[in-house]
């Protein structure tokens, strides 16, 4: 897996859908994060954290399988490969089915909440 400098991983990704649905939040985030904020134009779902890869360490990411039960019948809103959307080449994929919004990092530990 190629190493990415840590300063390049200090990025906040938001869906382009945020601007049309919640323009005030979109504007506030742009003011707060400036150039560290990146817009995902092709995201099908507003909640990027749910389908984006999880950072394991400096320049290390893993893409899990995102297939939530609440989107079973709505493929229009299902974004399946967040790593590809943002150009993280060589990001390994695991078969583990996870909703990324339920992953919380604490030091060198990831805590999974709600569903796995």
Protein backbone atom coordinates (compact mmCIF):
# COMPACT_ATOMS: atom_id res chain seq x y z
CA UNK A 1 0.00 0.00 0.00
CA UNK A 2 1.52 3.38 -0.96
CA UNK A 3 2.26 5.74 1.90
CA UNK A 4 0.54 9.12 1.83
CA UNK A 5 2.06 11.94 3.91
CA UNK A 6 -0.03 12.61 7.02
CA UNK A 7 -0.58 16.27 6.11
CA UNK A 8 -2.35 15.08 2.96
CA UNK A 9 -4.78 13.00 4.97
CA UNK A 10 -5.97 15.97 7.04
CA UNK A 11 -8.99 16.41 4.80
CA UNK A 12 -12.68 16.77 5.53
CA UNK A 13 -14.92 15.40 2.79
CA UNK A 14 -18.51 16.48 2.32
CA UNK A 15 -21.07 15.56 -0.29
CA UNK A 16 -22.08 18.13 -2.89
CA UNK A 17 -25.62 17.30 -1.78
CA UNK A 18 -24.99 19.20 1.46
CA UNK A 19 -24.96 22.56 -0.34
CA UNK A 20 -28.36 22.03 -1.93
CA UNK A 21 -29.99 20.55 1.18
CA UNK A 22 -28.31 22.58 3.93
CA UNK A 23 -26.56 25.62 2.40
CA UNK A 24 -25.95 27.28 5.77
CA UNK A 25 -24.03 24.28 7.07
CA UNK A 26 -22.11 24.03 3.81
CA UNK A 27 -21.06 27.69 4.11
CA UNK A 28 -20.08 27.33 7.76
CA UNK A 29 -17.90 24.28 7.03
CA UNK A 30 -16.15 26.12 4.19
CA UNK A 31 -15.33 28.98 6.59
CA UNK A 32 -14.05 26.64 9.29
CA UNK A 33 -12.00 24.19 7.20
CA UNK A 34 -10.96 26.32 4.20
CA UNK A 35 -8.71 24.37 1.83
CA UNK A 36 -8.92 21.23 4.00
CA UNK A 37 -12.57 20.84 2.93
CA UNK A 38 -13.12 18.82 -0.23
CA UNK A 39 -16.43 18.33 -2.02
CA UNK A 40 -17.40 14.90 -3.34
CA UNK A 41 -19.35 15.66 -6.51
CA UNK A 42 -20.46 12.11 -7.34
CA UNK A 43 -21.66 11.03 -3.90
CA UNK A 44 -25.16 9.59 -3.94
CA UNK A 45 -25.71 10.07 -0.22
CA UNK A 46 -25.26 13.16 1.93
CA UNK A 47 -23.65 11.21 4.82
CA UNK A 48 -20.09 10.67 3.53
CA UNK A 49 -18.77 9.25 6.76
CA UNK A 50 -20.97 6.19 6.27
CA UNK A 51 -19.24 5.02 3.07
CA UNK A 52 -15.77 6.57 3.18
CA UNK A 53 -12.74 4.40 3.98
CA UNK A 54 -11.49 4.27 7.54
CA UNK A 55 -8.03 5.66 8.29
CA UNK A 56 -5.91 3.12 10.14
CA UNK A 57 -2.75 5.20 10.43
CA UNK A 58 -0.63 7.69 8.55
CA UNK A 59 -1.45 7.11 4.90
CA UNK A 60 -3.22 3.83 5.65
CA UNK A 61 -6.86 3.33 4.81
CA UNK A 62 -9.24 0.41 4.44
CA UNK A 63 -12.51 0.35 2.53
CA UNK A 64 -15.24 -1.76 4.07
CA UNK A 65 -18.45 -3.00 2.47
CA UNK A 66 -21.21 -0.41 2.82
CA UNK A 67 -24.59 -2.04 2.34
CA UNK A 68 -26.99 -0.68 4.97
CA UNK A 69 -30.35 -2.32 5.51
CA UNK A 70 -32.11 1.04 5.22
CA UNK A 71 -30.87 1.39 1.61
CA UNK A 72 -31.61 -2.18 0.47
CA UNK A 73 -34.31 -0.99 -1.91
CA UNK A 74 -32.70 2.36 -2.78
CA UNK A 75 -29.58 1.87 -4.91
CA UNK A 76 -29.86 5.52 -5.98
CA UNK A 77 -28.60 6.62 -2.54
CA UNK A 78 -26.02 3.87 -2.03
CA UNK A 79 -22.41 4.93 -2.57
CA UNK A 80 -20.36 1.76 -2.57
CA UNK A 81 -16.73 2.83 -2.89
CA UNK A 82 -15.80 6.02 -1.09
CA UNK A 83 -12.08 5.43 -1.67
CA UNK A 84 -12.57 5.50 -5.44
CA UNK A 85 -14.64 8.69 -5.22
CA UNK A 86 -11.77 10.59 -3.62
CA UNK A 87 -8.93 8.91 -5.49
CA UNK A 88 -7.32 6.80 -2.77
CA UNK A 89 -5.51 4.36 -5.04
CA UNK A 90 -4.55 0.95 -3.72
CA UNK A 91 -6.97 1.15 -0.80
CA UNK A 92 -7.57 -2.43 0.33
CA UNK A 93 -11.16 -3.65 0.53
CA UNK A 94 -12.46 -5.91 3.26
CA UNK A 95 -15.64 -7.97 3.21
CA UNK A 96 -16.71 -6.68 6.62
CA UNK A 97 -20.05 -4.90 6.33
CA UNK A 98 -19.82 -1.62 8.27
CA UNK A 99 -21.65 1.67 8.43
CA UNK A 100 -18.70 4.07 8.78
CA UNK A 101 -20.81 6.51 10.77
CA UNK A 102 -20.69 3.95 13.57
CA UNK A 103 -16.88 3.92 13.78
CA UNK A 104 -15.24 6.12 16.40
CA UNK A 105 -11.45 6.42 16.69
CA UNK A 106 -9.79 6.72 20.05
CA UNK A 107 -5.99 6.64 20.11
CA UNK A 108 -5.02 3.34 18.47
CA UNK A 109 -8.47 1.81 18.87
CA UNK A 110 -11.60 1.85 16.74
CA UNK A 111 -14.88 1.49 18.56
CA UNK A 112 -17.84 0.16 16.59
CA UNK A 113 -21.26 1.18 17.75
CA UNK A 114 -24.81 0.16 16.89
CA UNK A 115 -24.29 -2.28 13.99
CA UNK A 116 -21.63 -4.46 12.43
